[in-house]
All heavy atoms as atom14 arrays in JSON, in Angstrom:
{
  "sequence": "NGTQRAYPPEKIWQAHIFGGNFGGEDVIFTYCVMTNLGSPYVNENNMQ",
  "atom14_mask": [
    [1, 1, 1, 1, 1, 1, 1, 1, 0, 0, 0, 0, 0, 0],
    [1, 1, 1, 1, 0, 0, 0, 0, 0, 0, 0, 0, 0, 0],
    [1, 1, 1, 1, 1, 1, 1, 0, 0, 0, 0, 0, 0, 0],
    [1, 1, 1, 1, 1, 1, 1, 1, 1, 0, 0, 0, 0, 0],
    [1, 1, 1, 1, 1, 1, 1, 1, 1, 1, 1, 0, 0, 0],
    [1, 1, 1, 1, 1, 0, 0, 0, 0, 0, 0, 0, 0, 0],
    [1, 1, 1, 1, 1, 1, 1, 1, 1, 1, 1, 1, 0, 0],
    [1, 1, 1, 1, 1, 1, 1, 0, 0, 0, 0, 0, 0, 0],
    [1, 1, 1, 1, 1, 1, 1, 0, 0, 0, 0, 0, 0, 0],
    [1, 1, 1, 1, 1, 1, 1, 1, 1, 0, 0, 0, 0, 0],
    [1, 1, 1, 1, 1, 1, 1, 1, 1, 0, 0, 0, 0, 0],
    [1, 1, 1, 1, 1, 1, 1, 1, 0, 0, 0, 0, 0, 0],
    [1, 1, 1, 1, 1, 1, 1, 1, 1, 1, 1, 1, 1, 1],
    [1, 1, 1, 1, 1, 1, 1, 1, 1, 0, 0, 0, 0, 0],
    [1, 1, 1, 1, 1, 0, 0, 0, 0, 0, 0, 0, 0, 0],
    [1, 1, 1, 1, 1, 1, 1, 1, 1, 1, 0, 0, 0, 0],
    [1, 1, 1, 1, 1, 1, 1, 1, 0, 0, 0, 0, 0, 0],
    [1, 1, 1, 1, 1, 1, 1, 1, 1, 1, 1, 0, 0, 0],
    [1, 1, 1, 1, 0, 0, 0, 0, 0, 0, 0, 0, 0, 0],
    [1, 1, 1, 1, 0, 0, 0, 0, 0, 0, 0, 0, 0, 0],
    [1, 1, 1, 1, 1, 1, 1, 1, 0, 0, 0, 0, 0, 0],
    [1, 1, 1, 1, 1, 1, 1, 1, 1, 1, 1, 0, 0, 0],
    [1, 1, 1, 1, 0, 0, 0, 0, 0, 0, 0, 0, 0, 0],
    [1, 1, 1, 1, 0, 0, 0, 0, 0, 0, 0, 0, 0, 0],
    [1, 1, 1, 1, 1, 1, 1, 1, 1, 0, 0, 0, 0, 0],
    [1, 1, 1, 1, 1, 1, 1, 1, 0, 0, 0, 0, 0, 0],
    [1, 1, 1, 1, 1, 1, 1, 0, 0, 0, 0, 0, 0, 0],
    [1, 1, 1, 1, 1, 1, 1, 1, 0, 0, 0, 0, 0, 0],
    [1, 1, 1, 1, 1, 1, 1, 1, 1, 1, 1, 0, 0, 0],
    [1, 1, 1, 1, 1, 1, 1, 0, 0, 0, 0, 0, 0, 0],
    [1, 1, 1, 1, 1, 1, 1, 1, 1, 1, 1, 1, 0, 0],
    [1, 1, 1, 1, 1, 1, 0, 0, 0, 0, 0, 0, 0, 0],
    [1, 1, 1, 1, 1, 1, 1, 0, 0, 0, 0, 0, 0, 0],
    [1, 1, 1, 1, 1, 1, 1, 1, 0, 0, 0, 0, 0, 0],
    [1, 1, 1, 1, 1, 1, 1, 0, 0, 0, 0, 0, 0, 0],
    [1, 1, 1, 1, 1, 1, 1, 1, 0, 0, 0, 0, 0, 0],
    [1, 1, 1, 1, 1, 1, 1, 1, 0, 0, 0, 0, 0, 0],
    [1, 1, 1, 1, 0, 0, 0, 0, 0, 0, 0, 0, 0, 0],
    [1, 1, 1, 1, 1, 1, 0, 0, 0, 0, 0, 0, 0, 0],
    [1, 1, 1, 1, 1, 1, 1, 0, 0, 0, 0, 0, 0, 0],
    [1, 1, 1, 1, 1, 1, 1, 1, 1, 1, 1, 1, 0, 0],
    [1, 1, 1, 1, 1, 1, 1, 0, 0, 0, 0, 0, 0, 0],
    [1, 1, 1, 1, 1, 1, 1, 1, 0, 0, 0, 0, 0, 0],
    [1, 1, 1, 1, 1, 1, 1, 1, 1, 0, 0, 0, 0, 0],
    [1, 1, 1, 1, 1, 1, 1, 1, 0, 0, 0, 0, 0, 0],
    [1, 1, 1, 1, 1, 1, 1, 1, 0, 0, 0, 0, 0, 0],
    [1, 1, 1, 1, 1, 1, 1, 1, 0, 0, 0, 0, 0, 0],
    [1, 1, 1, 1, 1, 1, 1, 1, 1, 0, 0, 0, 0, 0]
  ],
  "atom14_positions": [
    [[59.16, 177.07, 175.75], [59.38, 177.21, 177.18], [58.83, 176.03, 177.97], [58.33, 176.19, 179.1], [58.73, 178.51, 177.68], [59.68, 179.34, 178.52], [60.88, 179.12, 178.52], [59.13, 180.29, 179.25], [0.0, 0.0, 0.0], [0.0, 0.0, 0.0], [0.0, 0.0, 0.0], [0.0, 0.0, 0.0], [0.0, 0.0, 0.0], [0.0, 0.0, 0.0]],
    [[58.88, 174.84, 177.37], [58.41, 173.64, 178.06], [56.9, 173.43, 177.99], [56.39, 172.5, 178.62], [0.0, 0.0, 0.0], [0.0, 0.0, 0.0], [0.0, 0.0, 0.0], [0.0, 0.0, 0.0], [0.0, 0.0, 0.0], [0.0, 0.0, 0.0], [0.0, 0.0, 0.0], [0.0, 0.0, 0.0], [0.0, 0.0, 0.0], [0.0, 0.0, 0.0]],
    [[56.19, 174.27, 177.26], [54.75, 174.15, 177.12], [54.41, 173.89, 175.64], [54.97, 174.51, 174.76], [54.04, 175.43, 177.58], [54.36, 175.65, 178.97], [52.54, 175.32, 177.43], [0.0, 0.0, 0.0], [0.0, 0.0, 0.0], [0.0, 0.0, 0.0], [0.0, 0.0, 0.0], [0.0, 0.0, 0.0], [0.0, 0.0, 0.0], [0.0, 0.0, 0.0]],
    [[53.48, 172.95, 175.43], [53.06, 172.62, 174.06], [51.55, 172.8, 173.93], [50.79, 172.23, 174.74], [53.44, 171.17, 173.7], [54.92, 170.88, 173.78], [55.41, 170.54, 175.18], [54.65, 169.94, 175.96], [56.64, 170.9, 175.5], [0.0, 0.0, 0.0], [0.0, 0.0, 0.0], [0.0, 0.0, 0.0], [0.0, 0.0, 0.0], [0.0, 0.0, 0.0]],
    [[51.17, 173.58, 172.93], [49.75, 173.83, 172.72], [49.39, 173.7, 171.25], [50.17, 174.07, 170.38], [49.36, 175.22, 173.23], [49.41, 175.31, 174.75], [48.53, 176.45, 175.26], [48.33, 176.31, 176.68], [48.77, 177.17, 177.6], [49.47, 178.23, 177.23], [48.53, 176.98, 178.87], [0.0, 0.0, 0.0], [0.0, 0.0, 0.0], [0.0, 0.0, 0.0]],
    [[48.2, 173.16, 171.0], [47.68, 172.99, 169.65], [46.55, 173.98, 169.4], [45.7, 174.22, 170.27], [47.18, 171.57, 169.45], [0.0, 0.0, 0.0], [0.0, 0.0, 0.0], [0.0, 0.0, 0.0], [0.0, 0.0, 0.0], [0.0, 0.0, 0.0], [0.0, 0.0, 0.0], [0.0, 0.0, 0.0], [0.0, 0.0, 0.0], [0.0, 0.0, 0.0]],
    [[46.56, 174.55, 168.2], [45.54, 175.52, 167.79], [44.88, 175.0, 166.51], [45.48, 175.01, 165.46], [46.16, 176.88, 167.54], [46.79, 177.52, 168.76], [48.09, 177.16, 169.15], [46.09, 178.45, 169.51], [48.67, 177.73, 170.28], [46.68, 179.01, 170.65], [47.97, 178.65, 171.02], [48.54, 179.2, 172.15], [0.0, 0.0, 0.0], [0.0, 0.0, 0.0]],
    [[43.62, 174.5, 166.6], [42.93, 173.96, 165.44], [42.38, 175.1, 164.56], [41.51, 175.85, 165.04], [41.81, 173.12, 166.01], [41.93, 173.23, 167.5], [42.83, 174.35, 167.83], [0.0, 0.0, 0.0], [0.0, 0.0, 0.0], [0.0, 0.0, 0.0], [0.0, 0.0, 0.0], [0.0, 0.0, 0.0], [0.0, 0.0, 0.0], [0.0, 0.0, 0.0]],
    [[42.86, 175.26, 163.31], [42.36, 176.35, 162.48], [40.84, 176.41, 162.34], [40.25, 177.49, 162.27], [43.02, 176.08, 161.13], [44.3, 175.41, 161.5], [43.95, 174.53, 162.67], [0.0, 0.0, 0.0], [0.0, 0.0, 0.0], [0.0, 0.0, 0.0], [0.0, 0.0, 0.0], [0.0, 0.0, 0.0], [0.0, 0.0, 0.0], [0.0, 0.0, 0.0]],
    [[40.19, 175.23, 162.33], [38.73, 175.21, 162.2], [38.02, 175.88, 163.38], [36.89, 176.29, 163.26], [38.23, 173.77, 162.06], [38.47, 173.14, 160.7], [37.48, 173.65, 159.66], [36.63, 174.51, 159.99], [37.56, 173.19, 158.52], [0.0, 0.0, 0.0], [0.0, 0.0, 0.0], [0.0, 0.0, 0.0], [0.0, 0.0, 0.0], [0.0, 0.0, 0.0]],
    [[38.73, 175.99, 164.51], [38.07, 176.49, 165.71], [38.63, 177.84, 166.17], [38.18, 178.37, 167.21], [38.21, 175.47, 166.85], [37.54, 174.12, 166.51], [37.79, 173.11, 167.6], [37.0, 171.82, 167.37], [37.5, 171.06, 166.23], [0.0, 0.0, 0.0], [0.0, 0.0, 0.0], [0.0, 0.0, 0.0], [0.0, 0.0, 0.0], [0.0, 0.0, 0.0]],
    [[39.58, 178.39, 165.44], [40.21, 179.63, 165.92], [40.09, 180.8, 164.94], [40.46, 181.92, 165.26], [41.71, 179.42, 166.22], [42.51, 179.12, 164.95], [41.91, 178.33, 167.27], [43.99, 179.03, 165.15], [0.0, 0.0, 0.0], [0.0, 0.0, 0.0], [0.0, 0.0, 0.0], [0.0, 0.0, 0.0], [0.0, 0.0, 0.0], [0.0, 0.0, 0.0]],
    [[39.55, 180.54, 163.74], [39.63, 181.55, 162.68], [38.72, 182.75, 162.89], [38.91, 183.8, 162.27], [39.36, 180.91, 161.32], [38.01, 180.26, 161.18], [37.7, 178.95, 161.44], [36.8, 180.87, 160.77], [36.38, 178.72, 161.22], [35.8, 179.87, 160.79], [36.45, 182.15, 160.37], [34.48, 180.13, 160.44], [35.15, 182.4, 160.01], [34.17, 181.41, 160.05]],
    [[37.74, 182.62, 163.75], [36.85, 183.78, 163.95], [37.44, 184.78, 164.94], [37.39, 185.99, 164.72], [35.46, 183.3, 164.41], [34.4, 184.4, 164.38], [34.34, 185.18, 165.68], [34.69, 184.69, 166.73], [33.89, 186.41, 165.6], [0.0, 0.0, 0.0], [0.0, 0.0, 0.0], [0.0, 0.0, 0.0], [0.0, 0.0, 0.0], [0.0, 0.0, 0.0]],
    [[38.06, 184.3, 166.01], [38.63, 185.21, 167.0], [40.0, 185.71, 166.59], [40.4, 186.82, 166.93], [38.7, 184.54, 168.36], [0.0, 0.0, 0.0], [0.0, 0.0, 0.0], [0.0, 0.0, 0.0], [0.0, 0.0, 0.0], [0.0, 0.0, 0.0], [0.0, 0.0, 0.0], [0.0, 0.0, 0.0], [0.0, 0.0, 0.0], [0.0, 0.0, 0.0]],
    [[40.77, 184.86, 165.9], [42.07, 185.24, 165.31], [43.21, 185.42, 166.32], [44.37, 185.22, 165.96], [41.96, 186.56, 164.52], [41.18, 186.44, 163.26], [39.81, 186.48, 163.25], [41.56, 186.31, 161.96], [39.38, 186.38, 161.99], [40.44, 186.25, 161.21], [0.0, 0.0, 0.0], [0.0, 0.0, 0.0], [0.0, 0.0, 0.0], [0.0, 0.0, 0.0]],
    [[42.95, 185.83, 167.55], [44.02, 186.19, 168.49], [43.75, 185.51, 169.83], [42.67, 185.64, 170.4], [44.14, 187.7, 168.65], [44.57, 188.35, 167.32], [45.12, 188.07, 169.76], [44.49, 189.86, 167.32], [0.0, 0.0, 0.0], [0.0, 0.0, 0.0], [0.0, 0.0, 0.0], [0.0, 0.0, 0.0], [0.0, 0.0, 0.0], [0.0, 0.0, 0.0]],
    [[44.78, 184.81, 170.36], [44.63, 184.04, 171.59], [45.86, 184.23, 172.47], [46.98, 184.26, 171.98], [44.45, 182.55, 171.29], [43.31, 182.27, 170.36], [43.49, 182.31, 168.98], [42.05, 182.0, 170.84], [42.44, 182.09, 168.11], [40.99, 181.78, 169.99], [41.18, 181.81, 168.61], [0.0, 0.0, 0.0], [0.0, 0.0, 0.0], [0.0, 0.0, 0.0]],
    [[45.64, 184.33, 173.75], [46.74, 184.45, 174.69], [46.94, 183.16, 175.45], [46.1, 182.26, 175.43], [0.0, 0.0, 0.0], [0.0, 0.0, 0.0], [0.0, 0.0, 0.0], [0.0, 0.0, 0.0], [0.0, 0.0, 0.0], [0.0, 0.0, 0.0], [0.0, 0.0, 0.0], [0.0, 0.0, 0.0], [0.0, 0.0, 0.0], [0.0, 0.0, 0.0]],
    [[48.09, 183.06, 176.1], [48.35, 181.86, 176.91], [49.67, 181.96, 177.64], [50.59, 182.66, 177.19], [0.0, 0.0, 0.0], [0.0, 0.0, 0.0], [0.0, 0.0, 0.0], [0.0, 0.0, 0.0], [0.0, 0.0, 0.0], [0.0, 0.0, 0.0], [0.0, 0.0, 0.0], [0.0, 0.0, 0.0], [0.0, 0.0, 0.0], [0.0, 0.0, 0.0]],
    [[49.76, 181.27, 178.76], [50.97, 181.24, 179.56], [51.83, 180.06, 179.12], [51.4, 178.91, 179.18], [50.62, 181.12, 181.05], [51.85, 181.21, 181.94], [52.74, 180.36, 181.87], [51.89, 182.23, 182.75], [0.0, 0.0, 0.0], [0.0, 0.0, 0.0], [0.0, 0.0, 0.0], [0.0, 0.0, 0.0], [0.0, 0.0, 0.0], [0.0, 0.0, 0.0]],
    [[53.05, 180.34, 178.71], [53.99, 179.31, 178.29], [55.18, 179.33, 179.24], [56.12, 180.13, 179.08], [54.47, 179.54, 176.86], [53.47, 179.14, 175.8], [52.31, 179.89, 175.59], [53.7, 178.01, 175.03], [51.4, 179.52, 174.61], [52.8, 177.63, 174.05], [51.63, 178.37, 173.84], [0.0, 0.0, 0.0], [0.0, 0.0, 0.0], [0.0, 0.0, 0.0]],
    [[55.13, 178.51, 180.28], [56.22, 178.44, 181.23], [56.55, 179.76, 181.89], [57.72, 180.08, 182.1], [0.0, 0.0, 0.0], [0.0, 0.0, 0.0], [0.0, 0.0, 0.0], [0.0, 0.0, 0.0], [0.0, 0.0, 0.0], [0.0, 0.0, 0.0], [0.0, 0.0, 0.0], [0.0, 0.0, 0.0], [0.0, 0.0, 0.0], [0.0, 0.0, 0.0]],
    [[55.52, 180.53, 182.2], [55.73, 181.82, 182.86], [55.82, 183.01, 181.92], [55.92, 184.15, 182.37], [0.0, 0.0, 0.0], [0.0, 0.0, 0.0], [0.0, 0.0, 0.0], [0.0, 0.0, 0.0], [0.0, 0.0, 0.0], [0.0, 0.0, 0.0], [0.0, 0.0, 0.0], [0.0, 0.0, 0.0], [0.0, 0.0, 0.0], [0.0, 0.0, 0.0]],
    [[55.77, 182.77, 180.61], [55.81, 183.87, 179.65], [54.49, 183.92, 178.88], [53.94, 182.89, 178.49], [56.99, 183.69, 178.67], [58.35, 183.89, 179.3], [59.44, 183.95, 178.25], [59.57, 185.0, 177.58], [60.17, 182.96, 178.11], [0.0, 0.0, 0.0], [0.0, 0.0, 0.0], [0.0, 0.0, 0.0], [0.0, 0.0, 0.0], [0.0, 0.0, 0.0]],
    [[54.04, 185.13, 178.63], [52.81, 185.35, 177.9], [53.09, 185.29, 176.41], [53.95, 186.03, 175.9], [52.23, 186.71, 178.28], [50.91, 187.01, 177.6], [50.21, 186.04, 177.25], [50.59, 188.18, 177.39], [0.0, 0.0, 0.0], [0.0, 0.0, 0.0], [0.0, 0.0, 0.0], [0.0, 0.0, 0.0], [0.0, 0.0, 0.0], [0.0, 0.0, 0.0]],
    [[52.41, 184.41, 175.71], [52.56, 184.28, 174.26], [51.2, 184.58, 173.6], [50.17, 184.04, 174.02], [53.05, 182.88, 173.85], [53.02, 182.72, 172.33], [54.46, 182.63, 174.38], [0.0, 0.0, 0.0], [0.0, 0.0, 0.0], [0.0, 0.0, 0.0], [0.0, 0.0, 0.0], [0.0, 0.0, 0.0], [0.0, 0.0, 0.0], [0.0, 0.0, 0.0]],
    [[51.21, 185.42, 172.59], [50.0, 185.75, 171.84], [50.06, 185.04, 170.5], [50.98, 185.24, 169.7], [49.87, 187.27, 171.61], [49.95, 188.03, 172.92], [48.56, 187.59, 170.9], [50.01, 189.54, 172.75], [0.0, 0.0, 0.0], [0.0, 0.0, 0.0], [0.0, 0.0, 0.0], [0.0, 0.0, 0.0], [0.0, 0.0, 0.0], [0.0, 0.0, 0.0]],
    [[49.07, 184.21, 170.24], [48.98, 183.47, 168.98], [48.02, 184.19, 168.04], [46.87, 184.4, 168.38], [48.49, 182.04, 169.23], [48.52, 181.15, 168.02], [49.62, 180.35, 167.76], [47.46, 181.11, 167.14], [49.66, 179.52, 166.65], [47.48, 180.3, 166.02], [48.6, 179.5, 165.77], [0.0, 0.0, 0.0], [0.0, 0.0, 0.0], [0.0, 0.0, 0.0]],
    [[48.49, 184.58, 166.85], [47.64, 185.23, 165.87], [47.43, 184.29, 164.69], [48.34, 183.55, 164.29], [48.26, 186.54, 165.35], [49.37, 186.25, 164.47], [48.76, 187.41, 166.52], [0.0, 0.0, 0.0], [0.0, 0.0, 0.0], [0.0, 0.0, 0.0], [0.0, 0.0, 0.0], [0.0, 0.0, 0.0], [0.0, 0.0, 0.0], [0.0, 0.0, 0.0]],
    [[46.22, 184.31, 164.14], [45.93, 183.43, 163.01], [45.1, 184.17, 161.98], [44.07, 184.77, 162.3], [45.17, 182.18, 163.47], [44.8, 181.3, 162.3], [45.78, 180.57, 161.62], [43.48, 181.2, 161.86], [45.45, 179.78, 160.54], [43.15, 180.41, 160.77], [44.15, 179.71, 160.1], [43.82, 178.92, 159.03], [0.0, 0.0, 0.0], [0.0, 0.0, 0.0]],
    [[45.52, 184.12, 160.73], [44.78, 184.72, 159.61], [44.2, 183.62, 158.75], [44.95, 182.84, 158.14], [45.69, 185.63, 158.77], [44.82, 186.34, 157.34], [0.0, 0.0, 0.0], [0.0, 0.0, 0.0], [0.0, 0.0, 0.0], [0.0, 0.0, 0.0], [0.0, 0.0, 0.0], [0.0, 0.0, 0.0], [0.0, 0.0, 0.0], [0.0, 0.0, 0.0]],
    [[42.88, 183.53, 158.7], [42.22, 182.46, 157.97], [42.41, 182.63, 156.47], [42.5, 181.64, 155.72], [40.73, 182.38, 158.33], [39.99, 183.64, 157.93], [40.08, 181.14, 157.72], [0.0, 0.0, 0.0], [0.0, 0.0, 0.0], [0.0, 0.0, 0.0], [0.0, 0.0, 0.0], [0.0, 0.0, 0.0], [0.0, 0.0, 0.0], [0.0, 0.0, 0.0]],
    [[42.45, 183.87, 155.96], [42.6, 184.11, 154.52], [43.98, 183.71, 154.02], [44.15, 183.31, 152.88], [42.33, 185.58, 154.21], [40.91, 186.02, 154.45], [39.79, 185.22, 153.31], [38.22, 185.86, 153.9], [0.0, 0.0, 0.0], [0.0, 0.0, 0.0], [0.0, 0.0, 0.0], [0.0, 0.0, 0.0], [0.0, 0.0, 0.0], [0.0, 0.0, 0.0]],
    [[44.99, 183.85, 154.87], [46.34, 183.49, 154.51], [46.68, 182.08, 154.94], [47.58, 181.46, 154.4], [47.35, 184.47, 155.16], [46.93, 185.81, 154.91], [48.75, 184.27, 154.64], [0.0, 0.0, 0.0], [0.0, 0.0, 0.0], [0.0, 0.0, 0.0], [0.0, 0.0, 0.0], [0.0, 0.0, 0.0], [0.0, 0.0, 0.0], [0.0, 0.0, 0.0]],
    [[45.94, 181.56, 155.92], [46.21, 180.29, 156.59], [47.55, 180.36, 157.3], [48.39, 179.48, 157.17], [46.16, 179.12, 155.61], [46.12, 177.78, 156.33], [45.53, 177.66, 157.38], [46.78, 176.79, 155.76], [0.0, 0.0, 0.0], [0.0, 0.0, 0.0], [0.0, 0.0, 0.0], [0.0, 0.0, 0.0], [0.0, 0.0, 0.0], [0.0, 0.0, 0.0]],
    [[47.73, 181.42, 158.05], [49.03, 181.67, 158.7], [48.86, 181.85, 160.2], [48.09, 182.7, 160.67], [49.68, 182.93, 158.12], [50.97, 183.4, 158.8], [52.07, 182.35, 158.71], [51.44, 184.72, 158.2], [0.0, 0.0, 0.0], [0.0, 0.0, 0.0], [0.0, 0.0, 0.0], [0.0, 0.0, 0.0], [0.0, 0.0, 0.0], [0.0, 0.0, 0.0]],
    [[49.62, 181.05, 160.97], [49.69, 181.23, 162.4], [51.03, 181.86, 162.76], [52.08, 181.39, 162.33], [0.0, 0.0, 0.0], [0.0, 0.0, 0.0], [0.0, 0.0, 0.0], [0.0, 0.0, 0.0], [0.0, 0.0, 0.0], [0.0, 0.0, 0.0], [0.0, 0.0, 0.0], [0.0, 0.0, 0.0], [0.0, 0.0, 0.0], [0.0, 0.0, 0.0]],
    [[50.98, 182.96, 163.55], [52.21, 183.65, 163.97], [52.08, 184.0, 165.45], [51.32, 184.91, 165.82], [52.42, 184.94, 163.18], [52.69, 184.64, 161.82], [0.0, 0.0, 0.0], [0.0, 0.0, 0.0], [0.0, 0.0, 0.0], [0.0, 0.0, 0.0], [0.0, 0.0, 0.0], [0.0, 0.0, 0.0], [0.0, 0.0, 0.0], [0.0, 0.0, 0.0]],
    [[52.82, 183.3, 166.33], [52.79, 183.63, 167.76], [53.94, 184.55, 168.16], [55.02, 184.51, 167.56], [52.95, 182.26, 168.43], [53.37, 181.29, 167.37], [53.49, 182.03, 166.07], [0.0, 0.0, 0.0], [0.0, 0.0, 0.0], [0.0, 0.0, 0.0], [0.0, 0.0, 0.0], [0.0, 0.0, 0.0], [0.0, 0.0, 0.0], [0.0, 0.0, 0.0]],
    [[53.69, 185.36, 169.15], [54.72, 186.31, 169.62], [54.8, 186.28, 171.15], [53.75, 186.26, 171.81], [54.4, 187.73, 169.17], [54.23, 187.87, 167.68], [52.96, 187.91, 167.13], [55.32, 187.96, 166.83], [52.79, 188.03, 165.74], [55.17, 188.08, 165.47], [53.9, 188.11, 164.92], [53.74, 188.23, 163.56], [0.0, 0.0, 0.0], [0.0, 0.0, 0.0]],
    [[56.03, 186.31, 171.66], [56.2, 186.5, 173.09], [55.82, 187.95, 173.43], [56.29, 188.88, 172.79], [57.65, 186.22, 173.55], [57.81, 186.49, 175.04], [58.04, 184.78, 173.22], [0.0, 0.0, 0.0], [0.0, 0.0, 0.0], [0.0, 0.0, 0.0], [0.0, 0.0, 0.0], [0.0, 0.0, 0.0], [0.0, 0.0, 0.0], [0.0, 0.0, 0.0]],
    [[54.93, 188.09, 174.41], [54.38, 189.4, 174.7], [55.32, 190.17, 175.66], [55.0, 190.38, 176.83], [52.98, 189.27, 175.32], [52.25, 190.6, 175.39], [52.72, 191.6, 174.86], [51.11, 190.6, 176.04], [0.0, 0.0, 0.0], [0.0, 0.0, 0.0], [0.0, 0.0, 0.0], [0.0, 0.0, 0.0], [0.0, 0.0, 0.0], [0.0, 0.0, 0.0]],
    [[56.44, 190.61, 175.12], [57.45, 191.27, 175.96], [57.07, 192.69, 176.33], [57.52, 193.23, 177.34], [58.8, 191.26, 175.23], [59.35, 189.87, 174.98], [60.59, 189.9, 174.12], [60.81, 190.91, 173.42], [61.34, 188.9, 174.14], [0.0, 0.0, 0.0], [0.0, 0.0, 0.0], [0.0, 0.0, 0.0], [0.0, 0.0, 0.0], [0.0, 0.0, 0.0]],
    [[56.25, 193.32, 175.52], [55.94, 194.75, 175.71], [54.51, 195.0, 176.16], [53.96, 196.07, 175.91], [56.23, 195.52, 174.42], [57.69, 195.42, 174.04], [58.58, 195.6, 174.86], [57.96, 195.14, 172.76], [0.0, 0.0, 0.0], [0.0, 0.0, 0.0], [0.0, 0.0, 0.0], [0.0, 0.0, 0.0], [0.0, 0.0, 0.0], [0.0, 0.0, 0.0]],
    [[53.9, 193.96, 176.75], [52.53, 194.09, 177.28], [51.56, 194.54, 176.18], [50.7, 195.4, 176.38], [52.5, 195.11, 178.44], [51.21, 195.01, 179.24], [50.58, 193.95, 179.32], [50.78, 196.13, 179.79], [0.0, 0.0, 0.0], [0.0, 0.0, 0.0], [0.0, 0.0, 0.0], [0.0, 0.0, 0.0], [0.0, 0.0, 0.0], [0.0, 0.0, 0.0]],
    [[51.69, 193.93, 175.01], [50.8, 194.26, 173.89], [49.38, 193.76, 174.16], [49.18, 192.74, 174.83], [51.32, 193.62, 172.59], [52.65, 194.15, 172.13], [53.21, 193.34, 170.61], [53.54, 191.67, 171.22], [0.0, 0.0, 0.0], [0.0, 0.0, 0.0], [0.0, 0.0, 0.0], [0.0, 0.0, 0.0], [0.0, 0.0, 0.0], [0.0, 0.0, 0.0]],
    [[48.42, 194.48, 173.66], [47.03, 194.03, 173.69], [46.54, 194.04, 172.24], [46.21, 195.09, 171.69], [46.18, 194.97, 174.56], [44.8, 194.43, 174.86], [44.83, 193.23, 175.78], [45.59, 193.18, 176.73], [43.98, 192.24, 175.5], [0.0, 0.0, 0.0], [0.0, 0.0, 0.0], [0.0, 0.0, 0.0], [0.0, 0.0, 0.0], [0.0, 0.0, 0.0]]
  ]
}
């Protein structure tokens, strides 16, 4: 959505879940350190 963000695994693995505004849309970034997997989702359903 016109927004670019970087998530450094070394600095995000303890909290695992991060929110952010991407061009007016809420995106939730999830990260699993054991799998080394980042999966972001557009928060269409007001997930917490």
